[in-house]
């Protein structure tokens, strides 16, 4: 069964002054014991960790509503609940799996891909995914925040080879629309920039974030840069009717929508699940883009799916879906100038 809507606590944040999505964000579940109680589970059922490994639980209550009560292996729950297995050390796993710390040319800037630069605008997210490759990233020490934006924009303006800016974090849509609109206007004033890409999980875990104010600045505030929104969904149950409507609203504004997933043991490591996700995404106006192999970050080794298994899953998807619904299987390699596609040739031969 799917649980009833979880109760929203009373907030002391003057609700008449905040957009609805910010009130809901402030009311996210942050206590693992409370999350277990909402789902009729005991801490023993789920192997709850005594400590959160420095990465506390955070999950919007609307996302909890999509979890199955009484199921300790619910694929949405597994993505967010801190468990004891996170404390098991694994060879080859570390706190900076993509070698990002200290590699930026300016505060908040990562420039590892040709013609594209990424801005880490904030360390805040609406949900703390346990497999997040930046779960240990020292945002404060690396000057992430509005104070660094001026220097970051100056760097972008000084490099005419950059054609696309990617807003990342954390999650950039956890910031107020006014701040994002101001930044978009500054970026639009840089003549060699062509596209503005937003990487976000908020439309999936908190669809209320997709309101008129967001769509207004994203689709028209900069009046020049072509907008692209890349969402992050891993399982078809993440995309309920409310999420689908929000995504279709983005698409109706003429904004390109893509999805990136991470291949996760126990969550989506099955052809049927991945195929259903692609179908559900397309119904909502989103094209599957990448399927990432797990980044080797400390605390996430129990999610790993071997490369060969991932190849077989994508080959099986290609045998049943049109090509535009099959995401590219990729991995991130530190120092590489692009995401590295995983060769599917052998898997296709085995499937044929």
C-alpha atoms as a PDB file:
ATOM      1  CA  UNK A   1       0.000   0.000   0.000  1.00  0.00           C
ATOM      2  CA  UNK A   2       1.006   3.624  -0.485  1.00  0.00           C
ATOM      3  CA  UNK A   3       0.759   5.639   2.736  1.00  0.00           C
ATOM      4  CA  UNK A   4      -1.616   8.484   3.230  1.00  0.00           C
ATOM      5  CA  UNK A   5      -0.287  11.988   2.915  1.00  0.00           C
ATOM      6  CA  UNK A   6       2.153  12.579   5.731  1.00  0.00           C
ATOM      7  CA  UNK A   7       1.238  15.351   8.166  1.00  0.00           C
ATOM      8  CA  UNK A   8       2.922  18.711   7.623  1.00  0.00           C
ATOM      9  CA  UNK A   9       4.355  20.246  10.789  1.00  0.00           C
ATOM     10  CA  UNK A  10       3.416  23.762  11.695  1.00  0.00           C
ATOM     11  CA  UNK A  11       6.079  26.156  10.420  1.00  0.00           C
ATOM     12  CA  UNK A  12       7.201  29.359  12.155  1.00  0.00           C
ATOM     13  CA  UNK A  13       8.436  30.927   8.884  1.00  0.00           C
ATOM     14  CA  UNK A  14       5.670  33.480   8.224  1.00  0.00           C
ATOM     15  CA  UNK A  15       4.018  31.478   5.420  1.00  0.00           C
ATOM     16  CA  UNK A  16       2.378  34.491   3.793  1.00  0.00           C
ATOM     17  CA  UNK A  17       5.831  35.785   2.847  1.00  0.00           C
ATOM     18  CA  UNK A  18       7.170  32.590   1.325  1.00  0.00           C
ATOM     19  CA  UNK A  19       6.253  30.724  -1.856  1.00  0.00           C
ATOM     20  CA  UNK A  20       4.542  27.399  -1.166  1.00  0.00           C
ATOM     21  CA  UNK A  21       7.537  25.378  -2.326  1.00  0.00           C
ATOM     22  CA  UNK A  22       9.791  27.045   0.220  1.00  0.00           C
ATOM     23  CA  UNK A  23       7.365  26.263   3.035  1.00  0.00           C
ATOM     24  CA  UNK A  24       7.253  22.628   1.946  1.00  0.00           C
ATOM     25  CA  UNK A  25      11.034  22.544   1.669  1.00  0.00           C
ATOM     26  CA  UNK A  26      11.355  23.832   5.233  1.00  0.00           C
ATOM     27  CA  UNK A  27       9.021  21.054   6.398  1.00  0.00           C
ATOM     28  CA  UNK A  28      11.079  18.214   4.880  1.00  0.00           C
ATOM     29  CA  UNK A  29      11.638  15.118   7.013  1.00  0.00           C
ATOM     30  CA  UNK A  30      15.058  15.208   8.681  1.00  0.00           C
ATOM     31  CA  UNK A  31      14.673  12.568  11.402  1.00  0.00           C
ATOM     32  CA  UNK A  32      15.256   8.958  10.241  1.00  0.00           C
ATOM     33  CA  UNK A  33      13.164   7.584  13.100  1.00  0.00           C
ATOM     34  CA  UNK A  34      10.256   9.785  12.034  1.00  0.00           C
ATOM     35  CA  UNK A  35      10.625   8.586   8.441  1.00  0.00           C
ATOM     36  CA  UNK A  36      10.481   4.965   9.596  1.00  0.00           C
ATOM     37  CA  UNK A  37       7.365   5.706  11.662  1.00  0.00           C
ATOM     38  CA  UNK A  38       5.639   7.376   8.705  1.00  0.00           C
ATOM     39  CA  UNK A  39       6.203   4.183   6.693  1.00  0.00           C
ATOM     40  CA  UNK A  40       5.248   1.740   9.448  1.00  0.00           C
ATOM     41  CA  UNK A  41       8.808   0.451   9.675  1.00  0.00           C
ATOM     42  CA  UNK A  42      11.119  -0.068  12.626  1.00  0.00           C
ATOM     43  CA  UNK A  43      14.768   1.066  12.577  1.00  0.00           C
ATOM     44  CA  UNK A  44      15.738  -2.610  12.742  1.00  0.00           C
ATOM     45  CA  UNK A  45      13.674  -3.387   9.610  1.00  0.00           C
ATOM     46  CA  UNK A  46      15.777  -1.038   7.501  1.00  0.00           C
ATOM     47  CA  UNK A  47      19.211  -1.349   9.135  1.00  0.00           C
ATOM     48  CA  UNK A  48      19.094   2.278  10.214  1.00  0.00           C
ATOM     49  CA  UNK A  49      22.479   3.799  10.963  1.00  0.00           C
ATOM     50  CA  UNK A  50      23.136   5.079  14.476  1.00  0.00           C
ATOM     51  CA  UNK A  51      24.922   8.059  12.869  1.00  0.00           C
ATOM     52  CA  UNK A  52      24.354   9.712   9.509  1.00  0.00           C
ATOM     53  CA  UNK A  53      28.004   9.595   8.338  1.00  0.00           C
ATOM     54  CA  UNK A  54      28.072  13.406   8.253  1.00  0.00           C
ATOM     55  CA  UNK A  55      25.313  13.529   5.629  1.00  0.00           C
ATOM     56  CA  UNK A  56      21.944  13.951   7.368  1.00  0.00           C
ATOM     57  CA  UNK A  57      18.592  12.744   6.120  1.00  0.00           C
ATOM     58  CA  UNK A  58      16.548  15.258   4.148  1.00  0.00           C
ATOM     59  CA  UNK A  59      13.494  14.334   2.092  1.00  0.00           C
ATOM     60  CA  UNK A  60      10.330  16.282   1.199  1.00  0.00           C
ATOM     61  CA  UNK A  61       7.135  14.830   2.597  1.00  0.00           C
ATOM     62  CA  UNK A  62       5.561  14.623  -0.861  1.00  0.00           C
ATOM     63  CA  UNK A  63       8.350  12.261  -1.907  1.00  0.00           C
ATOM     64  CA  UNK A  64       7.714  10.173   1.213  1.00  0.00           C
ATOM     65  CA  UNK A  65       4.079   9.885   0.104  1.00  0.00           C
ATOM     66  CA  UNK A  66       5.254   7.939  -2.968  1.00  0.00           C
ATOM     67  CA  UNK A  67       6.979   5.302  -0.843  1.00  0.00           C
ATOM     68  CA  UNK A  68       5.294   2.008  -0.014  1.00  0.00           C
ATOM     69  CA  UNK A  69       4.434   1.654   3.657  1.00  0.00           C
ATOM     70  CA  UNK A  70       5.749  -1.475   5.310  1.00  0.00           C
ATOM     71  CA  UNK A  71       8.336  -2.155   2.594  1.00  0.00           C
ATOM     72  CA  UNK A  72      11.935  -1.839   3.860  1.00  0.00           C
ATOM     73  CA  UNK A  73      13.205  -2.352   0.285  1.00  0.00           C
ATOM     74  CA  UNK A  74      11.108   0.386  -1.273  1.00  0.00           C
ATOM     75  CA  UNK A  75      13.255   1.817  -4.108  1.00  0.00           C
ATOM     76  CA  UNK A  76      12.514   5.420  -3.197  1.00  0.00           C
ATOM     77  CA  UNK A  77      13.246   4.848   0.481  1.00  0.00           C
ATOM     78  CA  UNK A  78      16.575   3.163  -0.296  1.00  0.00           C
ATOM     79  CA  UNK A  79      17.776   6.314  -2.051  1.00  0.00           C
ATOM     80  CA  UNK A  80      17.394   8.563   1.000  1.00  0.00           C
ATOM     81  CA  UNK A  81      17.602   6.557   4.232  1.00  0.00           C
ATOM     82  CA  UNK A  82      20.972   6.501   6.094  1.00  0.00           C
ATOM     83  CA  UNK A  83      21.836   2.855   6.794  1.00  0.00           C
ATOM     84  CA  UNK A  84      24.635   1.012   8.563  1.00  0.00           C
ATOM     85  CA  UNK A  85      26.169  -0.171   5.292  1.00  0.00           C
ATOM     86  CA  UNK A  86      27.295   3.398   4.589  1.00  0.00           C
ATOM     87  CA  UNK A  87      29.931   2.990   7.290  1.00  0.00           C
ATOM     88  CA  UNK A  88      31.601   0.025   5.579  1.00  0.00           C
ATOM     89  CA  UNK A  89      34.842   1.085   3.895  1.00  0.00           C
ATOM     90  CA  UNK A  90      35.244  -0.071   0.290  1.00  0.00           C
ATOM     91  CA  UNK A  91      38.451  -0.176  -1.779  1.00  0.00           C
ATOM     92  CA  UNK A  92      38.574   2.501  -4.470  1.00  0.00           C
ATOM     93  CA  UNK A  93      35.935   4.693  -2.815  1.00  0.00           C
ATOM     94  CA  UNK A  94      36.743   8.159  -1.487  1.00  0.00           C
ATOM     95  CA  UNK A  95      35.357  11.552  -0.520  1.00  0.00           C
ATOM     96  CA  UNK A  96      36.208  13.272  -3.815  1.00  0.00           C
ATOM     97  CA  UNK A  97      35.556  10.612  -6.471  1.00  0.00           C
ATOM     98  CA  UNK A  98      35.702  13.027  -9.412  1.00  0.00           C
ATOM     99  CA  UNK A  99      38.706  15.028  -8.149  1.00  0.00           C
ATOM    100  CA  UNK A 100      36.702  18.271  -8.073  1.00  0.00           C
ATOM    101  CA  UNK A 101      37.964  19.759  -4.821  1.00  0.00           C
ATOM    102  CA  UNK A 102      40.448  22.527  -5.514  1.00  0.00           C
ATOM    103  CA  UNK A 103      40.278  22.055  -9.292  1.00  0.00           C
ATOM    104  CA  UNK A 104      38.172  25.090 -10.216  1.00  0.00           C
ATOM    105  CA  UNK A 105      39.651  28.137 -11.977  1.00  0.00           C
ATOM    106  CA  UNK A 106      37.444  30.463  -9.901  1.00  0.00           C
ATOM    107  CA  UNK A 107      35.259  30.055  -6.815  1.00  0.00           C
ATOM    108  CA  UNK A 108      32.215  27.959  -7.678  1.00  0.00           C
ATOM    109  CA  UNK A 109      33.430  27.214 -11.224  1.00  0.00           C
ATOM    110  CA  UNK A 110      34.259  23.795 -12.676  1.00  0.00           C
ATOM    111  CA  UNK A 111      35.575  23.879 -16.221  1.00  0.00           C
ATOM    112  CA  UNK A 112      36.405  20.300 -17.139  1.00  0.00           C
ATOM    113  CA  UNK A 113      34.360  19.971 -20.348  1.00  0.00           C
ATOM    114  CA  UNK A 114      35.115  21.725 -23.614  1.00  0.00           C
ATOM    115  CA  UNK A 115      32.829  24.700 -24.374  1.00  0.00           C
ATOM    116  CA  UNK A 116      30.941  24.210 -21.080  1.00  0.00           C
ATOM    117  CA  UNK A 117      31.455  25.443 -17.546  1.00  0.00           C
ATOM    118  CA  UNK A 118      29.587  24.476 -14.405  1.00  0.00           C
ATOM    119  CA  UNK A 119      28.638  26.773 -11.522  1.00  0.00           C
ATOM    120  CA  UNK A 120      28.130  25.193  -8.105  1.00  0.00           C
ATOM    121  CA  UNK A 121      25.780  27.853  -6.786  1.00  0.00           C
ATOM    122  CA  UNK A 122      24.856  26.290  -3.457  1.00  0.00           C
ATOM    123  CA  UNK A 123      25.380  23.258  -1.286  1.00  0.00           C
ATOM    124  CA  UNK A 124      21.666  23.037  -0.472  1.00  0.00           C
ATOM    125  CA  UNK A 125      19.403  20.322  -1.865  1.00  0.00           C
ATOM    126  CA  UNK A 126      15.766  19.404  -1.331  1.00  0.00           C
ATOM    127  CA  UNK A 127      16.743  15.755  -0.858  1.00  0.00           C
ATOM    128  CA  UNK A 128      19.944  14.102   0.303  1.00  0.00           C
ATOM    129  CA  UNK A 129      20.500  11.131  -1.992  1.00  0.00           C
ATOM    130  CA  UNK A 130      22.744   8.604  -0.277  1.00  0.00           C
ATOM    131  CA  UNK A 131      24.760   7.949  -3.468  1.00  0.00           C
ATOM    132  CA  UNK A 132      25.479  11.646  -4.129  1.00  0.00           C
ATOM    133  CA  UNK A 133      29.027  12.096  -5.435  1.00  0.00           C
ATOM    134  CA  UNK A 134      29.222  15.481  -3.669  1.00  0.00           C
ATOM    135  CA  UNK A 135      27.974  14.272  -0.289  1.00  0.00           C
ATOM    136  CA  UNK A 136      31.396  15.109   1.214  1.00  0.00           C
ATOM    137  CA  UNK A 137      32.100  18.254  -0.836  1.00  0.00           C
ATOM    138  CA  UNK A 138      33.331  21.144   1.387  1.00  0.00           C
ATOM    139  CA  UNK A 139      31.085  23.849  -0.058  1.00  0.00           C
ATOM    140  CA  UNK A 140      31.821  26.451   2.616  1.00  0.00           C
ATOM    141  CA  UNK A 141      35.593  26.087   2.372  1.00  0.00           C
ATOM    142  CA  UNK A 142      35.488  26.504  -1.392  1.00  0.00           C
ATOM    143  CA  UNK A 143      33.659  29.823  -1.423  1.00  0.00           C
ATOM    144  CA  UNK A 144      30.402  28.610  -2.904  1.00  0.00           C
ATOM    145  CA  UNK A 145      27.657  31.205  -2.602  1.00  0.00           C
ATOM    146  CA  UNK A 146      26.447  34.516  -3.906  1.00  0.00           C
ATOM    147  CA  UNK A 147      29.587  36.373  -2.827  1.00  0.00           C
ATOM    148  CA  UNK A 148      31.587  34.321  -5.337  1.00  0.00           C
ATOM    149  CA  UNK A 149      29.205  34.840  -8.258  1.00  0.00           C
ATOM    150  CA  UNK A 150      30.856  38.060  -9.422  1.00  0.00           C
ATOM    151  CA  UNK A 151      34.237  36.377  -9.802  1.00  0.00           C
ATOM    152  CA  UNK A 152      32.632  33.362 -11.474  1.00  0.00           C
ATOM    153  CA  UNK A 153      30.779  35.526 -14.004  1.00  0.00           C
ATOM    154  CA  UNK A 154      33.988  37.421 -14.742  1.00  0.00           C
ATOM    155  CA  UNK A 155      35.742  34.124 -15.484  1.00  0.00           C
ATOM    156  CA  UNK A 156      32.971  33.085 -17.883  1.00  0.00           C
ATOM    157  CA  UNK A 157      33.059  36.468 -19.614  1.00  0.00           C
ATOM    158  CA  UNK A 158      36.809  36.183 -20.083  1.00  0.00           C
ATOM    159  CA  UNK A 159      36.749  32.848 -21.907  1.00  0.00           C
ATOM    160  CA  UNK A 160      35.058  33.060 -25.324  1.00  0.00           C
ATOM    161  CA  UNK A 161      35.377  29.285 -25.795  1.00  0.00           C
ATOM    162  CA  UNK A 162      32.579  28.733 -23.253  1.00  0.00           C
ATOM    163  CA  UNK A 163      29.200  28.461 -24.986  1.00  0.00           C
ATOM    164  CA  UNK A 164      27.110  26.829 -22.288  1.00  0.00           C
ATOM    165  CA  UNK A 165      26.765  27.397 -18.543  1.00  0.00           C
ATOM    166  CA  UNK A 166      25.466  24.637 -16.281  1.00  0.00           C
ATOM    167  CA  UNK A 167      23.879  25.647 -12.981  1.00  0.00           C
ATOM    168  CA  UNK A 168      24.509  22.969 -10.380  1.00  0.00           C
ATOM    169  CA  UNK A 169      25.138  22.570  -6.684  1.00  0.00           C
ATOM    170  CA  UNK A 170      23.696  21.179  -4.446  1.00  0.00           C
ATOM    171  CA  UNK A 171      20.563  22.035  -6.341  1.00  0.00           C
ATOM    172  CA  UNK A 172      20.357  25.500  -7.920  1.00  0.00           C
ATOM    173  CA  UNK A 173      16.554  25.509  -7.722  1.00  0.00           C
ATOM    174  CA  UNK A 174      16.777  25.487  -3.934  1.00  0.00           C
ATOM    175  CA  UNK A 175      17.678  29.187  -4.321  1.00  0.00           C
ATOM    176  CA  UNK A 176      15.048  31.946  -4.607  1.00  0.00           C
ATOM    177  CA  UNK A 177      13.826  32.876  -8.085  1.00  0.00           C
ATOM    178  CA  UNK A 178      14.973  36.471  -7.689  1.00  0.00           C
ATOM    179  CA  UNK A 179      18.606  35.464  -7.207  1.00  0.00           C
ATOM    180  CA  UNK A 180      18.509  33.006 -10.094  1.00  0.00           C
ATOM    181  CA  UNK A 181      16.852  35.534 -12.385  1.00  0.00           C
ATOM    182  CA  UNK A 182      19.530  38.116 -11.564  1.00  0.00           C
ATOM    183  CA  UNK A 183      22.264  35.600 -12.363  1.00  0.00           C
ATOM    184  CA  UNK A 184      20.557  34.589 -15.620  1.00  0.00           C
ATOM    185  CA  UNK A 185      20.455  38.235 -16.659  1.00  0.00           C
ATOM    186  CA  UNK A 186      24.190  38.629 -15.983  1.00  0.00           C
ATOM    187  CA  UNK A 187      24.964  35.488 -17.957  1.00  0.00           C
ATOM    188  CA  UNK A 188      22.791  36.601 -20.867  1.00  0.00           C
ATOM    189  CA  UNK A 189      24.911  39.747 -21.128  1.00  0.00           C
ATOM    190  CA  UNK A 190      27.971  37.623 -22.032  1.00  0.00           C
ATOM    191  CA  UNK A 191      27.826  37.523 -25.844  1.00  0.00           C
ATOM    192  CA  UNK A 192      29.566  34.183 -26.429  1.00  0.00           C
ATOM    193  CA  UNK A 193      27.210  32.236 -24.168  1.00  0.00           C
ATOM    194  CA  UNK A 194      24.442  30.409 -26.037  1.00  0.00           C
ATOM    195  CA  UNK A 195      22.728  28.071 -23.586  1.00  0.00           C
ATOM    196  CA  UNK A 196      21.782  27.995 -19.920  1.00  0.00           C
ATOM    197  CA  UNK A 197      21.446  24.503 -18.491  1.00  0.00           C
ATOM    198  CA  UNK A 198      19.950  23.769 -15.060  1.00  0.00           C
ATOM    199  CA  UNK A 199      20.684  20.469 -13.319  1.00  0.00           C
ATOM    200  CA  UNK A 200      18.023  19.840 -10.697  1.00  0.00           C
ATOM    201  CA  UNK A 201      16.132  17.186  -8.762  1.00  0.00           C
ATOM    202  CA  UNK A 202      13.543  19.559  -7.312  1.00  0.00           C
ATOM    203  CA  UNK A 203      10.850  19.157 -10.010  1.00  0.00           C
ATOM    204  CA  UNK A 204      10.886  15.429  -9.181  1.00  0.00           C
ATOM    205  CA  UNK A 205      11.054  15.464  -5.381  1.00  0.00           C
ATOM    206  CA  UNK A 206       9.166  18.760  -4.905  1.00  0.00           C
ATOM    207  CA  UNK A 207       7.050  19.508  -7.999  1.00  0.00           C
ATOM    208  CA  UNK A 208       5.585  22.567  -6.300  1.00  0.00           C
ATOM    209  CA  UNK A 209       8.899  24.238  -7.166  1.00  0.00           C
ATOM    210  CA  UNK A 210       7.706  24.531 -10.771  1.00  0.00           C
ATOM    211  CA  UNK A 211       5.587  27.650 -10.386  1.00  0.00           C
ATOM    212  CA  UNK A 212       4.970  30.666 -12.600  1.00  0.00           C
ATOM    213  CA  UNK A 213       7.875  32.617 -11.121  1.00  0.00           C
ATOM    214  CA  UNK A 214      10.339  29.866 -11.990  1.00  0.00           C
ATOM    215  CA  UNK A 215       8.987  29.424 -15.503  1.00  0.00           C
ATOM    216  CA  UNK A 216       8.982  33.168 -16.140  1.00  0.00           C
ATOM    217  CA  UNK A 217      12.692  33.677 -15.503  1.00  0.00           C
ATOM    218  CA  UNK A 218      13.732  30.364 -16.987  1.00  0.00           C
ATOM    219  CA  UNK A 219      11.837  30.739 -20.241  1.00  0.00           C
ATOM    220  CA  UNK A 220      12.020  34.459 -20.736  1.00  0.00           C
ATOM    221  CA  UNK A 221      13.930  36.464 -18.163  1.00  0.00           C
ATOM    222  CA  UNK A 222      17.263  36.321 -19.977  1.00  0.00           C
ATOM    223  CA  UNK A 223      15.546  36.798 -23.412  1.00  0.00           C
ATOM    224  CA  UNK A 224      18.484  35.252 -25.241  1.00  0.00           C
ATOM    225  CA  UNK A 225      20.050  32.120 -23.763  1.00  0.00           C
ATOM    226  CA  UNK A 226      18.402  28.860 -24.796  1.00  0.00           C
ATOM    227  CA  UNK A 227      17.251  27.077 -21.614  1.00  0.00           C
ATOM    228  CA  UNK A 228      17.766  23.377 -20.944  1.00  0.00           C
ATOM    229  CA  UNK A 229      16.582  21.630 -17.775  1.00  0.00           C
ATOM    230  CA  UNK A 230      18.147  18.307 -16.835  1.00  0.00           C
ATOM    231  CA  UNK A 231      16.191  16.521 -14.120  1.00  0.00           C
ATOM    232  CA  UNK A 232      17.227  13.481 -12.095  1.00  0.00           C
ATOM    233  CA  UNK A 233      14.817  10.558 -11.691  1.00  0.00           C
ATOM    234  CA  UNK A 234      15.876   6.969 -11.065  1.00  0.00           C
ATOM    235  CA  UNK A 235      12.629   5.042 -10.719  1.00  0.00           C
ATOM    236  CA  UNK A 236       9.234   5.335 -12.471  1.00  0.00           C
ATOM    237  CA  UNK A 237       7.380   5.725  -9.161  1.00  0.00           C
ATOM    238  CA  UNK A 238       9.180   9.020  -8.639  1.00  0.00           C
ATOM    239  CA  UNK A 239       7.100  10.480 -11.471  1.00  0.00           C
ATOM    240  CA  UNK A 240       3.553  10.627 -10.162  1.00  0.00           C
ATOM    241  CA  UNK A 241       0.790  12.680 -11.769  1.00  0.00           C
ATOM    242  CA  UNK A 242       1.775  15.870  -9.966  1.00  0.00           C
ATOM    243  CA  UNK A 243       5.395  15.577 -11.113  1.00  0.00           C
ATOM    244  CA  UNK A 244       4.279  14.762 -14.651  1.00  0.00           C
ATOM    245  CA  UNK A 245       2.078  17.865 -14.768  1.00  0.00           C
ATOM    246  CA  UNK A 246       4.928  20.036 -13.513  1.00  0.00           C
ATOM    247  CA  UNK A 247       7.294  18.680 -16.151  1.00  0.00           C
ATOM    248  CA  UNK A 248       4.746  19.131 -18.908  1.00  0.00           C
ATOM    249  CA  UNK A 249       4.366  22.735 -17.776  1.00  0.00           C
ATOM    250  CA  UNK A 250       8.089  23.255 -18.309  1.00  0.00           C
ATOM    251  CA  UNK A 251       7.932  21.623 -21.721  1.00  0.00           C
ATOM    252  CA  UNK A 252       4.984  23.784 -22.764  1.00  0.00           C
ATOM    253  CA  UNK A 253       7.185  26.850 -22.272  1.00  0.00           C
ATOM    254  CA  UNK A 254       9.472  25.512 -25.019  1.00  0.00           C
ATOM    255  CA  UNK A 255      12.193  24.395 -22.605  1.00  0.00           C
ATOM    256  CA  UNK A 256      14.193  21.295 -23.499  1.00  0.00           C
ATOM    257  CA  UNK A 257      13.867  18.623 -20.801  1.00  0.00           C
ATOM    258  CA  UNK A 258      16.333  15.772 -20.306  1.00  0.00           C
ATOM    259  CA  UNK A 259      16.814  13.204 -17.556  1.00  0.00           C
ATOM    260  CA  UNK A 260      19.902  11.739 -15.949  1.00  0.00           C
ATOM    261  CA  UNK A 261      19.661   8.590 -13.836  1.00  0.00           C
ATOM    262  CA  UNK A 262      22.151   6.702 -11.725  1.00  0.00           C
ATOM    263  CA  UNK A 263      22.204   2.909 -11.952  1.00  0.00           C
ATOM    264  CA  UNK A 264      21.612   1.742  -8.378  1.00  0.00           C
ATOM    265  CA  UNK A 265      21.552  -1.746  -6.874  1.00  0.00           C
ATOM    266  CA  UNK A 266      18.100  -2.502  -5.463  1.00  0.00           C
ATOM    267  CA  UNK A 267      16.560   0.620  -6.988  1.00  0.00           C
ATOM    268  CA  UNK A 268      16.566   0.383 -10.773  1.00  0.00           C
ATOM    269  CA  UNK A 269      18.874  -2.510 -11.709  1.00  0.00           C
ATOM    270  CA  UNK A 270      16.216  -4.239 -13.796  1.00  0.00           C
ATOM    271  CA  UNK A 271      15.288  -3.850 -17.467  1.00  0.00           C
ATOM    272  CA  UNK A 272      11.569  -3.545 -16.720  1.00  0.00           C
ATOM    273  CA  UNK A 273      12.169  -0.723 -14.215  1.00  0.00           C
ATOM    274  CA  UNK A 274      14.461   1.248 -16.502  1.00  0.00           C
ATOM    275  CA  UNK A 275      12.159   0.779 -19.497  1.00  0.00           C
ATOM    276  CA  UNK A 276       9.127   1.909 -17.520  1.00  0.00           C
ATOM    277  CA  UNK A 277      11.087   4.948 -16.336  1.00  0.00           C
ATOM    278  CA  UNK A 278      11.916   5.915 -19.922  1.00  0.00           C
ATOM    279  CA  UNK A 279       8.277   5.536 -20.971  1.00  0.00           C
ATOM    280  CA  UNK A 280       7.041   7.583 -18.029  1.00  0.00           C
ATOM    281  CA  UNK A 281       9.609  10.299 -18.692  1.00  0.00           C
ATOM    282  CA  UNK A 282       8.603  10.603 -22.332  1.00  0.00           C
ATOM    283  CA  UNK A 283       4.915  10.822 -21.394  1.00  0.00           C
ATOM    284  CA  UNK A 284       5.914  13.809 -19.248  1.00  0.00           C
ATOM    285  CA  UNK A 285       7.853  15.573 -22.014  1.00  0.00           C
ATOM    286  CA  UNK A 286      11.326  14.428 -20.942  1.00  0.00           C
ATOM    287  CA  UNK A 287      13.933  12.585 -23.019  1.00  0.00           C
ATOM    288  CA  UNK A 288      16.183  10.020 -21.289  1.00  0.00           C
ATOM    289  CA  UNK A 289      19.739  11.320 -21.555  1.00  0.00           C
ATOM    290  CA  UNK A 290      22.333   9.520 -19.429  1.00  0.00           C
ATOM    291  CA  UNK A 291      22.376   6.444 -17.227  1.00  0.00           C
ATOM    292  CA  UNK A 292      25.384   6.876 -14.952  1.00  0.00           C
ATOM    293  CA  UNK A 293      27.398   4.114 -13.417  1.00  0.00           C
ATOM    294  CA  UNK A 294      27.876   4.842  -9.723  1.00  0.00           C
ATOM    295  CA  UNK A 295      30.571   7.329  -8.786  1.00  0.00           C
ATOM    296  CA  UNK A 296      32.802   5.714  -6.122  1.00  0.00           C
ATOM    297  CA  UNK A 297      32.001   8.005  -3.216  1.00  0.00           C
ATOM    298  CA  UNK A 298      32.439   6.909   0.400  1.00  0.00           C
ATOM    299  CA  UNK A 299      29.200   5.542   1.822  1.00  0.00           C
ATOM    300  CA  UNK A 300      27.650   4.406  -1.462  1.00  0.00           C
ATOM    301  CA  UNK A 301      29.407   1.141  -2.331  1.00  0.00           C
ATOM    302  CA  UNK A 302      26.299  -0.945  -1.572  1.00  0.00           C
ATOM    303  CA  UNK A 303      24.560   0.730  -4.550  1.00  0.00           C
ATOM    304  CA  UNK A 304      27.172  -0.388  -7.082  1.00  0.00           C
ATOM    305  CA  UNK A 305      26.131  -2.278 -10.222  1.00  0.00           C
ATOM    306  CA  UNK A 306      29.060  -3.732 -12.211  1.00  0.00           C
ATOM    307  CA  UNK A 307      29.728  -2.254 -15.628  1.00  0.00           C
ATOM    308  CA  UNK A 308      29.009  -5.511 -17.464  1.00  0.00           C
ATOM    309  CA  UNK A 309      25.610  -5.774 -15.793  1.00  0.00           C
ATOM    310  CA  UNK A 310      24.817  -2.198 -16.762  1.00  0.00           C
ATOM    311  CA  UNK A 311      25.766  -2.955 -20.354  1.00  0.00           C
ATOM    312  CA  UNK A 312      23.386  -5.885 -20.399  1.00  0.00           C
ATOM    313  CA  UNK A 313      20.535  -3.808 -18.993  1.00  0.00           C
ATOM    314  CA  UNK A 314      20.921  -1.066 -21.598  1.00  0.00           C
ATOM    315  CA  UNK A 315      21.259  -3.633 -24.400  1.00  0.00           C
ATOM    316  CA  UNK A 316      18.008  -5.223 -23.235  1.00  0.00           C
ATOM    317  CA  UNK A 317      16.330  -1.802 -23.189  1.00  0.00           C
ATOM    318  CA  UNK A 318      17.488  -1.177 -26.746  1.00  0.00           C
ATOM    319  CA  UNK A 319      15.880  -4.445 -27.818  1.00  0.00           C
ATOM    320  CA  UNK A 320      12.443  -3.330 -26.624  1.00  0.00           C
ATOM    321  CA  UNK A 321      12.395   0.491 -26.893  1.00  0.00           C
ATOM    322  CA  UNK A 322      12.932   3.005 -29.698  1.00  0.00           C
ATOM    323  CA  UNK A 323      16.421   4.472 -29.660  1.00  0.00           C
ATOM    324  CA  UNK A 324      15.331   7.874 -28.381  1.00  0.00           C
ATOM    325  CA  UNK A 325      14.094   6.244 -25.156  1.00  0.00           C
ATOM    326  CA  UNK A 326      17.380   4.449 -24.415  1.00  0.00           C
ATOM    327  CA  UNK A 327      19.762   6.515 -22.252  1.00  0.00           C
ATOM    328  CA  UNK A 328      23.491   6.411 -22.901  1.00  0.00           C
ATOM    329  CA  UNK A 329      25.400   4.376 -20.350  1.00  0.00           C
ATOM    330  CA  UNK A 330      28.292   6.510 -19.104  1.00  0.00           C
ATOM    331  CA  UNK A 331      30.755   6.914 -16.300  1.00  0.00           C
ATOM    332  CA  UNK A 332      32.606   9.955 -15.001  1.00  0.00           C
ATOM    333  CA  UNK A 333      36.391   9.670 -15.116  1.00  0.00           C
ATOM    334  CA  UNK A 334      38.438  12.281 -13.210  1.00  0.00           C
ATOM    335  CA  UNK A 335      40.331  14.464 -15.663  1.00  0.00           C
ATOM    336  CA  UNK A 336      38.372  13.323 -18.731  1.00  0.00           C
ATOM    337  CA  UNK A 337      37.148  16.121 -21.000  1.00  0.00           C
ATOM    338  CA  UNK A 338      33.745  14.526 -21.409  1.00  0.00           C
ATOM    339  CA  UNK A 339      31.605  11.808 -19.863  1.00  0.00           C
ATOM    340  CA  UNK A 340      32.949   8.457 -20.975  1.00  0.00           C
ATOM    341  CA  UNK A 341      30.430   6.266 -22.858  1.00  0.00           C
ATOM    342  CA  UNK A 342      30.502   2.609 -21.865  1.00  0.00           C
ATOM    343  CA  UNK A 343      30.940   0.361 -24.916  1.00  0.00           C
ATOM    344  CA  UNK A 344      27.819  -1.751 -25.469  1.00  0.00           C
ATOM    345  CA  UNK A 345      29.116  -3.747 -28.434  1.00  0.00           C
ATOM    346  CA  UNK A 346      29.799  -6.931 -26.482  1.00  0.00           C
ATOM    347  CA  UNK A 347      26.458  -6.726 -24.663  1.00  0.00           C
ATOM    348  CA  UNK A 348      24.585  -6.353 -27.983  1.00  0.00           C
ATOM    349  CA  UNK A 349      26.345  -9.443 -29.370  1.00  0.00           C
ATOM    350  CA  UNK A 350      25.290 -11.413 -26.296  1.00  0.00           C
ATOM    351  CA  UNK A 351      21.678 -10.261 -26.625  1.00  0.00           C
ATOM    352  CA  UNK A 352      21.448 -11.145 -30.332  1.00  0.00           C
END
